[in-house]
């Protein structure tokens, strides 16, 4: 007869007897102590794996890259800042047009048409998203952006003939990848991956962390984010979307919405701190690579959630060009994408639309 069975029988027999002082036997005490010890162990140590995970502290590091700043938080036993910066430097050496020795600089200068794995990843994705957005996303748009100038400061010097001439050198269909080399049908075509490189850099760091079996982390570069697992407080990561306000200094960081995220990436596009007003309506400074002119759409901020940050980054830019109606139509065809748009309504006030799940 087992000990539990004997205890059960003893309890029933006690209920049938008249009340009398209860005699505590030595093995009762041992059993009680064993049960208490077991309960404490279960509460404090639900699993050995859980104990191991909780013992790892979260590390934080930050620095400058791509003309902006990065912040990384991850749960690990050691400091990985050197590895993180090495990964980011690889991305810079491949995709930065400001790096005189980068792969993309050599391609733009015509001194070398060879590519590396990172460049090929980004170029292939850029081609795919350009096709999906009917050319609203195009990494050959740089000459047009330069012609207009930041904030359209060169607007007075832009003529229809200038735009028409520049458009003959714009179009990702003029560039192909053959045997790991870039081939241009027009040597004047210039590539600029700024609208996707930050997101790709975020992914590169995330993949490096995952190669070390790190499951809880947040990587952020200039507002582009990739999160996995839980934050140091043991909950989902809280990522804010900034409210578009007329603030060229960038000091006003009022939060429009806080998203609680895990296992996803997020990117936001929109020069909404430097939007311009025309006909009592506000427009962000965005050039349509298909027309060469500023878009006449009301989206001030485009935030996209996707499995990887490079994809989110590219679509966030494309939606600024496409406008609200076309962006919504594309999102219906791509249920894997989520978006949060802040736009100016007919009266010039901020309004929002989202398909967040």
Protein backbone atom coordinates (compact mmCIF):
# COMPACT_ATOMS: atom_id res chain seq x y z
CA UNK A 1 0.00 0.00 0.00
CA UNK A 2 1.42 3.42 -0.94
CA UNK A 3 1.96 6.17 1.63
CA UNK A 4 -0.72 8.38 -0.02
CA UNK A 5 -3.22 5.49 0.01
CA UNK A 6 -2.51 4.83 3.69
CA UNK A 7 -2.96 8.53 4.51
CA UNK A 8 -6.26 8.58 2.63
CA UNK A 9 -7.54 5.52 4.52
CA UNK A 10 -6.41 6.98 7.85
CA UNK A 11 -8.26 10.24 7.12
CA UNK A 12 -11.49 8.37 6.34
CA UNK A 13 -11.21 6.24 9.46
CA UNK A 14 -10.64 9.37 11.56
CA UNK A 15 -13.86 10.89 10.16
CA UNK A 16 -15.82 7.80 11.29
CA UNK A 17 -14.48 7.97 14.86
CA UNK A 18 -15.47 10.22 17.67
CA UNK A 19 -13.26 13.20 18.05
CA UNK A 20 -10.09 12.47 19.98
CA UNK A 21 -6.65 14.03 20.24
CA UNK A 22 -4.72 13.54 17.00
CA UNK A 23 -1.48 11.65 17.38
CA UNK A 24 1.33 12.86 15.08
CA UNK A 25 3.60 10.09 13.92
CA UNK A 26 7.26 10.61 12.93
CA UNK A 27 6.67 9.77 9.28
CA UNK A 28 3.91 12.42 9.10
CA UNK A 29 6.49 15.06 9.89
CA UNK A 30 8.94 13.72 7.29
CA UNK A 31 6.23 13.62 4.63
CA UNK A 32 5.11 17.18 5.45
CA UNK A 33 8.68 18.49 5.22
CA UNK A 34 9.17 16.74 1.90
CA UNK A 35 5.97 18.25 0.48
CA UNK A 36 6.95 21.76 1.65
CA UNK A 37 10.42 21.43 0.15
CA UNK A 38 8.98 20.22 -3.13
CA UNK A 39 6.53 23.12 -3.31
CA UNK A 40 9.26 25.71 -2.73
CA UNK A 41 11.40 24.11 -5.44
CA UNK A 42 8.51 24.22 -7.94
CA UNK A 43 7.75 27.88 -7.19
CA UNK A 44 11.34 29.06 -7.38
CA UNK A 45 12.46 26.71 -10.17
CA UNK A 46 9.61 26.01 -12.62
CA UNK A 47 12.21 24.53 -14.98
CA UNK A 48 15.94 24.38 -15.07
CA UNK A 49 15.81 26.13 -18.44
CA UNK A 50 13.81 28.98 -16.92
CA UNK A 51 16.39 29.40 -14.17
CA UNK A 52 19.19 29.56 -16.74
CA UNK A 53 17.36 32.15 -18.85
CA UNK A 54 16.55 34.43 -15.93
CA UNK A 55 20.14 34.37 -14.72
CA UNK A 56 21.32 36.15 -17.88
CA UNK A 57 21.30 39.91 -17.52
CA UNK A 58 20.23 42.25 -20.32
CA UNK A 59 23.07 44.11 -22.01
CA UNK A 60 22.74 47.52 -23.66
CA UNK A 61 24.94 49.25 -26.20
CA UNK A 62 24.65 52.24 -28.51
CA UNK A 63 26.67 54.18 -31.05
CA UNK A 64 26.62 56.05 -34.36
CA UNK A 65 26.14 54.53 -37.82
CA UNK A 66 24.62 55.55 -41.20
CA UNK A 67 24.45 59.21 -40.10
CA UNK A 68 22.21 58.32 -37.15
CA UNK A 69 22.36 56.33 -33.91
CA UNK A 70 21.77 52.72 -32.97
CA UNK A 71 20.56 51.18 -29.71
CA UNK A 72 20.63 47.46 -28.94
CA UNK A 73 19.28 45.66 -25.88
CA UNK A 74 19.76 41.90 -25.57
CA UNK A 75 19.83 39.14 -22.96
CA UNK A 76 23.25 37.52 -22.87
CA UNK A 77 26.07 36.70 -20.50
CA UNK A 78 28.63 38.96 -22.20
CA UNK A 79 29.06 42.27 -24.01
CA UNK A 80 28.71 42.02 -27.81
CA UNK A 81 29.22 45.65 -28.83
CA UNK A 82 32.35 44.83 -30.86
CA UNK A 83 30.44 42.15 -32.79
CA UNK A 84 27.48 44.49 -33.32
CA UNK A 85 29.68 47.28 -34.66
CA UNK A 86 31.58 44.87 -36.89
CA UNK A 87 28.26 43.78 -38.43
CA UNK A 88 27.18 47.39 -38.97
CA UNK A 89 30.52 48.29 -40.53
CA UNK A 90 30.03 45.46 -43.03
CA UNK A 91 26.68 46.94 -44.03
CA UNK A 92 28.26 50.39 -44.32
CA UNK A 93 31.09 49.00 -46.47
CA UNK A 94 28.51 47.50 -48.80
CA UNK A 95 25.65 49.99 -49.01
CA UNK A 96 26.70 53.46 -47.85
CA UNK A 97 26.96 56.04 -50.67
CA UNK A 98 28.93 58.24 -48.22
CA UNK A 99 31.63 55.61 -47.80
CA UNK A 100 34.16 56.25 -50.58
CA UNK A 101 35.31 52.62 -50.43
CA UNK A 102 31.89 50.97 -50.38
CA UNK A 103 30.56 48.53 -52.96
CA UNK A 104 27.74 50.88 -53.96
CA UNK A 105 30.12 53.84 -54.39
CA UNK A 106 32.30 51.83 -56.77
CA UNK A 107 29.22 50.80 -58.76
CA UNK A 108 27.96 54.39 -58.96
CA UNK A 109 31.39 55.66 -60.01
CA UNK A 110 31.77 52.93 -62.60
CA UNK A 111 35.09 51.78 -61.13
CA UNK A 112 33.86 48.30 -60.20
CA UNK A 113 30.71 46.34 -60.93
CA UNK A 114 31.36 43.52 -58.43
CA UNK A 115 28.91 43.01 -55.57
CA UNK A 116 28.96 41.30 -52.20
CA UNK A 117 26.31 39.17 -50.47
CA UNK A 118 24.78 42.09 -48.58
CA UNK A 119 24.45 44.24 -51.69
CA UNK A 120 22.84 41.34 -53.57
CA UNK A 121 20.34 40.75 -50.74
CA UNK A 122 19.25 44.38 -50.75
CA UNK A 123 19.23 44.78 -54.53
CA UNK A 124 17.07 41.66 -54.98
CA UNK A 125 14.59 42.81 -52.33
CA UNK A 126 14.49 46.33 -53.80
CA UNK A 127 13.67 44.91 -57.23
CA UNK A 128 10.89 42.78 -55.77
CA UNK A 129 9.26 45.63 -53.83
CA UNK A 130 9.59 47.98 -56.79
CA UNK A 131 7.56 45.50 -58.83
CA UNK A 132 4.97 45.05 -56.07
CA UNK A 133 4.49 48.83 -55.76
CA UNK A 134 4.45 49.63 -59.50
CA UNK A 135 7.69 51.58 -59.17
CA UNK A 136 6.73 53.65 -56.13
CA UNK A 137 9.84 52.26 -54.45
CA UNK A 138 12.93 52.75 -56.60
CA UNK A 139 16.58 52.88 -55.45
CA UNK A 140 17.55 54.83 -58.60
CA UNK A 141 15.60 57.95 -57.48
CA UNK A 142 18.68 59.75 -56.09
CA UNK A 143 19.18 62.23 -59.00
CA UNK A 144 15.63 63.52 -58.56
CA UNK A 145 15.98 63.88 -54.80
CA UNK A 146 19.24 65.77 -55.25
CA UNK A 147 17.68 68.07 -57.85
CA UNK A 148 14.86 69.14 -55.54
CA UNK A 149 17.13 69.37 -52.49
CA UNK A 150 16.28 68.61 -48.87
CA UNK A 151 12.98 70.24 -48.00
CA UNK A 152 12.65 71.23 -51.67
CA UNK A 153 15.13 74.06 -51.10
CA UNK A 154 16.05 73.98 -54.81
CA UNK A 155 12.42 74.17 -55.90
CA UNK A 156 12.87 77.47 -57.76
CA UNK A 157 15.61 75.94 -59.93
CA UNK A 158 13.65 72.85 -60.92
CA UNK A 159 12.20 72.96 -64.43
CA UNK A 160 10.08 70.54 -66.40
CA UNK A 161 12.94 69.98 -68.85
CA UNK A 162 15.33 69.16 -65.99
CA UNK A 163 12.92 66.60 -64.56
CA UNK A 164 12.31 65.10 -68.00
CA UNK A 165 16.05 64.71 -68.52
CA UNK A 166 16.66 63.17 -65.08
CA UNK A 167 13.80 60.71 -65.54
CA UNK A 168 15.63 59.15 -68.48
CA UNK A 169 18.26 57.99 -65.96
CA UNK A 170 15.78 56.73 -63.34
CA UNK A 171 14.26 53.28 -63.21
CA UNK A 172 15.42 50.10 -61.52
CA UNK A 173 14.65 48.16 -64.70
CA UNK A 174 17.80 49.80 -66.13
CA UNK A 175 19.93 47.78 -63.68
CA UNK A 176 20.32 44.00 -63.49
CA UNK A 177 22.39 41.51 -61.54
CA UNK A 178 24.33 39.05 -63.68
CA UNK A 179 26.85 36.57 -62.28
CA UNK A 180 27.13 38.61 -59.06
CA UNK A 181 27.91 41.76 -61.04
CA UNK A 182 25.79 44.85 -61.67
CA UNK A 183 24.99 45.61 -65.29
CA UNK A 184 23.54 49.01 -66.22
CA UNK A 185 21.81 49.70 -69.50
CA UNK A 186 22.48 53.38 -68.75
CA UNK A 187 25.82 54.23 -67.15
CA UNK A 188 24.36 57.45 -65.69
CA UNK A 189 22.04 55.51 -63.37
CA UNK A 190 22.90 56.04 -59.70
CA UNK A 191 21.87 53.69 -56.90
CA UNK A 192 20.91 54.87 -53.42
CA UNK A 193 19.77 52.30 -50.86
CA UNK A 194 19.13 54.78 -48.05
CA UNK A 195 15.44 53.87 -47.92
CA UNK A 196 16.21 50.23 -47.15
CA UNK A 197 19.78 50.07 -45.76
CA UNK A 198 18.93 51.02 -42.17
CA UNK A 199 16.31 48.29 -42.04
CA UNK A 200 18.78 45.82 -43.51
CA UNK A 201 21.36 46.86 -40.91
CA UNK A 202 18.84 46.17 -38.16
CA UNK A 203 18.24 42.71 -39.60
CA UNK A 204 21.96 42.02 -39.90
CA UNK A 205 22.50 42.71 -36.20
CA UNK A 206 19.42 40.68 -35.31
CA UNK A 207 20.67 37.68 -37.26
CA UNK A 208 24.06 37.94 -35.58
CA UNK A 209 22.42 37.90 -32.14
CA UNK A 210 20.29 34.92 -33.10
CA UNK A 211 23.40 33.05 -34.26
CA UNK A 212 24.45 33.18 -30.61
CA UNK A 213 21.10 31.69 -29.52
CA UNK A 214 19.91 35.03 -28.17
CA UNK A 215 16.10 34.99 -28.19
CA UNK A 216 15.27 38.21 -26.30
CA UNK A 217 16.48 41.43 -27.94
CA UNK A 218 15.65 44.79 -29.48
CA UNK A 219 17.70 46.40 -32.26
CA UNK A 220 16.98 49.99 -33.30
CA UNK A 221 18.74 52.16 -35.89
CA UNK A 222 17.36 55.63 -36.52
CA UNK A 223 13.83 54.55 -35.61
CA UNK A 224 13.84 51.24 -37.51
CA UNK A 225 13.31 48.37 -35.09
CA UNK A 226 13.48 44.59 -34.82
CA UNK A 227 12.33 42.83 -31.64
CA UNK A 228 12.29 39.23 -30.49
CA UNK A 229 11.11 37.63 -27.28
CA UNK A 230 10.59 39.77 -24.16
CA UNK A 231 12.03 42.95 -22.69
CA UNK A 232 13.96 43.24 -19.40
CA UNK A 233 10.66 43.61 -17.52
CA UNK A 234 9.47 40.27 -18.87
CA UNK A 235 6.80 41.67 -21.22
CA UNK A 236 6.50 42.66 -24.87
CA UNK A 237 8.62 45.50 -26.23
CA UNK A 238 6.95 48.94 -26.18
CA UNK A 239 7.71 50.95 -29.32
CA UNK A 240 6.31 54.45 -29.81
CA UNK A 241 5.15 56.19 -32.98
CA UNK A 242 5.94 59.92 -32.87
CA UNK A 243 3.17 62.44 -33.58
CA UNK A 244 3.79 64.52 -36.74
CA UNK A 245 4.24 68.13 -35.63
CA UNK A 246 5.68 71.22 -37.37
CA UNK A 247 9.00 71.00 -35.55
CA UNK A 248 12.13 71.21 -37.76
CA UNK A 249 14.33 70.99 -34.63
CA UNK A 250 13.11 67.48 -33.87
CA UNK A 251 12.81 68.31 -30.17
CA UNK A 252 9.10 67.57 -29.90
CA UNK A 253 8.75 63.81 -29.40
CA UNK A 254 5.10 63.53 -28.48
CA UNK A 255 4.01 59.90 -28.85
CA UNK A 256 0.98 59.24 -31.05
CA UNK A 257 0.70 55.53 -30.29
CA UNK A 258 2.60 52.88 -28.34
CA UNK A 259 2.74 49.44 -29.93
CA UNK A 260 3.40 46.34 -27.83
CA UNK A 261 5.48 44.11 -30.07
CA UNK A 262 7.38 40.85 -30.15
CA UNK A 263 8.89 38.74 -32.93
CA UNK A 264 8.40 41.40 -35.60
CA UNK A 265 10.10 44.40 -37.23
CA UNK A 266 8.90 47.98 -37.62
CA UNK A 267 9.95 50.94 -39.77
CA UNK A 268 8.60 54.46 -40.12
CA UNK A 269 8.96 56.82 -43.05
CA UNK A 270 7.95 60.44 -43.49
CA UNK A 271 9.69 63.82 -43.36
CA UNK A 272 6.74 65.01 -41.32
CA UNK A 273 8.80 67.48 -39.29
CA UNK A 274 9.48 69.36 -42.52
CA UNK A 275 6.20 69.06 -44.38
CA UNK A 276 5.06 71.90 -46.59
CA UNK A 277 1.68 73.59 -46.92
CA UNK A 278 -0.06 74.13 -50.24
CA UNK A 279 -3.71 75.02 -50.65
CA UNK A 280 -4.23 74.77 -46.88
CA UNK A 281 -3.12 71.15 -47.00
CA UNK A 282 0.02 69.60 -45.54
CA UNK A 283 2.29 67.34 -47.58
CA UNK A 284 5.43 65.45 -46.61
CA UNK A 285 8.57 66.01 -48.66
CA UNK A 286 8.43 62.90 -50.83
CA UNK A 287 9.42 62.52 -54.48
CA UNK A 288 7.56 60.12 -56.73
CA UNK A 289 10.27 58.31 -58.76
CA UNK A 290 7.74 57.67 -61.52
CA UNK A 291 6.90 61.33 -62.17
CA UNK A 292 9.91 63.14 -60.73
CA UNK A 293 7.65 65.51 -58.78
CA UNK A 294 6.55 65.78 -55.13
CA UNK A 295 3.63 63.56 -54.24
CA UNK A 296 0.27 65.18 -53.56
CA UNK A 297 -0.83 62.76 -50.88
CA UNK A 298 -1.81 63.44 -47.30
CA UNK A 299 0.21 60.74 -45.47
CA UNK A 300 2.57 62.41 -43.01
CA UNK A 301 3.91 59.28 -41.32
CA UNK A 302 3.94 55.71 -42.62
CA UNK A 303 4.74 52.91 -40.18
CA UNK A 304 4.98 49.33 -41.40
CA UNK A 305 5.29 46.05 -39.50
CA UNK A 306 6.83 43.07 -41.29
CA UNK A 307 8.79 39.91 -40.53
CA UNK A 308 12.08 41.65 -41.41
CA UNK A 309 13.05 45.29 -41.06
CA UNK A 310 14.40 45.76 -44.59
CA UNK A 311 10.97 44.90 -46.00
CA UNK A 312 9.23 47.17 -43.49
CA UNK A 313 11.65 50.00 -44.33
CA UNK A 314 11.08 49.77 -48.07
CA UNK A 315 7.29 49.53 -47.87
CA UNK A 316 7.11 52.44 -45.41
CA UNK A 317 8.82 54.59 -48.05
CA UNK A 318 6.69 53.22 -50.89
CA UNK A 319 3.44 53.97 -49.04
CA UNK A 320 4.49 57.62 -48.65
CA UNK A 321 4.67 57.77 -52.45
CA UNK A 322 1.54 55.73 -53.13
CA UNK A 323 -0.84 57.59 -50.83
CA UNK A 324 -3.53 56.25 -48.52
CA UNK A 325 -5.91 54.62 -51.00
CA UNK A 326 -3.25 52.77 -52.99
CA UNK A 327 -1.43 51.74 -49.82
CA UNK A 328 -4.62 50.27 -48.38
CA UNK A 329 -5.24 48.36 -51.60
CA UNK A 330 -1.73 46.87 -51.51
CA UNK A 331 -2.12 45.91 -47.85
CA UNK A 332 -5.24 43.94 -48.74
CA UNK A 333 -3.12 41.90 -51.15
CA UNK A 334 -0.35 41.43 -48.57
CA UNK A 335 -1.85 40.24 -45.27
CA UNK A 336 1.67 39.62 -43.95
CA UNK A 337 2.12 43.41 -43.73
CA UNK A 338 0.61 45.71 -41.12
CA UNK A 339 0.60 49.50 -41.22
CA UNK A 340 -0.20 52.57 -39.14
CA UNK A 341 -0.68 55.79 -41.10
CA UNK A 342 -0.93 59.34 -39.78
CA UNK A 343 -2.33 61.68 -42.39
CA UNK A 344 -3.83 65.13 -42.76
CA UNK A 345 -7.59 65.07 -43.24
CA UNK A 346 -9.58 67.46 -45.45
CA UNK A 347 -9.45 70.12 -42.73
CA UNK A 348 -5.71 69.76 -42.18
CA UNK A 349 -6.01 67.91 -38.88
CA UNK A 350 -4.12 64.74 -38.03
CA UNK A 351 -6.05 61.51 -38.55
CA UNK A 352 -4.98 57.87 -38.34
CA UNK A 353 -5.64 54.58 -40.09
CA UNK A 354 -4.27 51.14 -39.31
CA UNK A 355 -4.76 47.44 -39.92
CA UNK A 356 -2.84 46.29 -36.85
CA UNK A 357 -3.76 42.83 -35.69
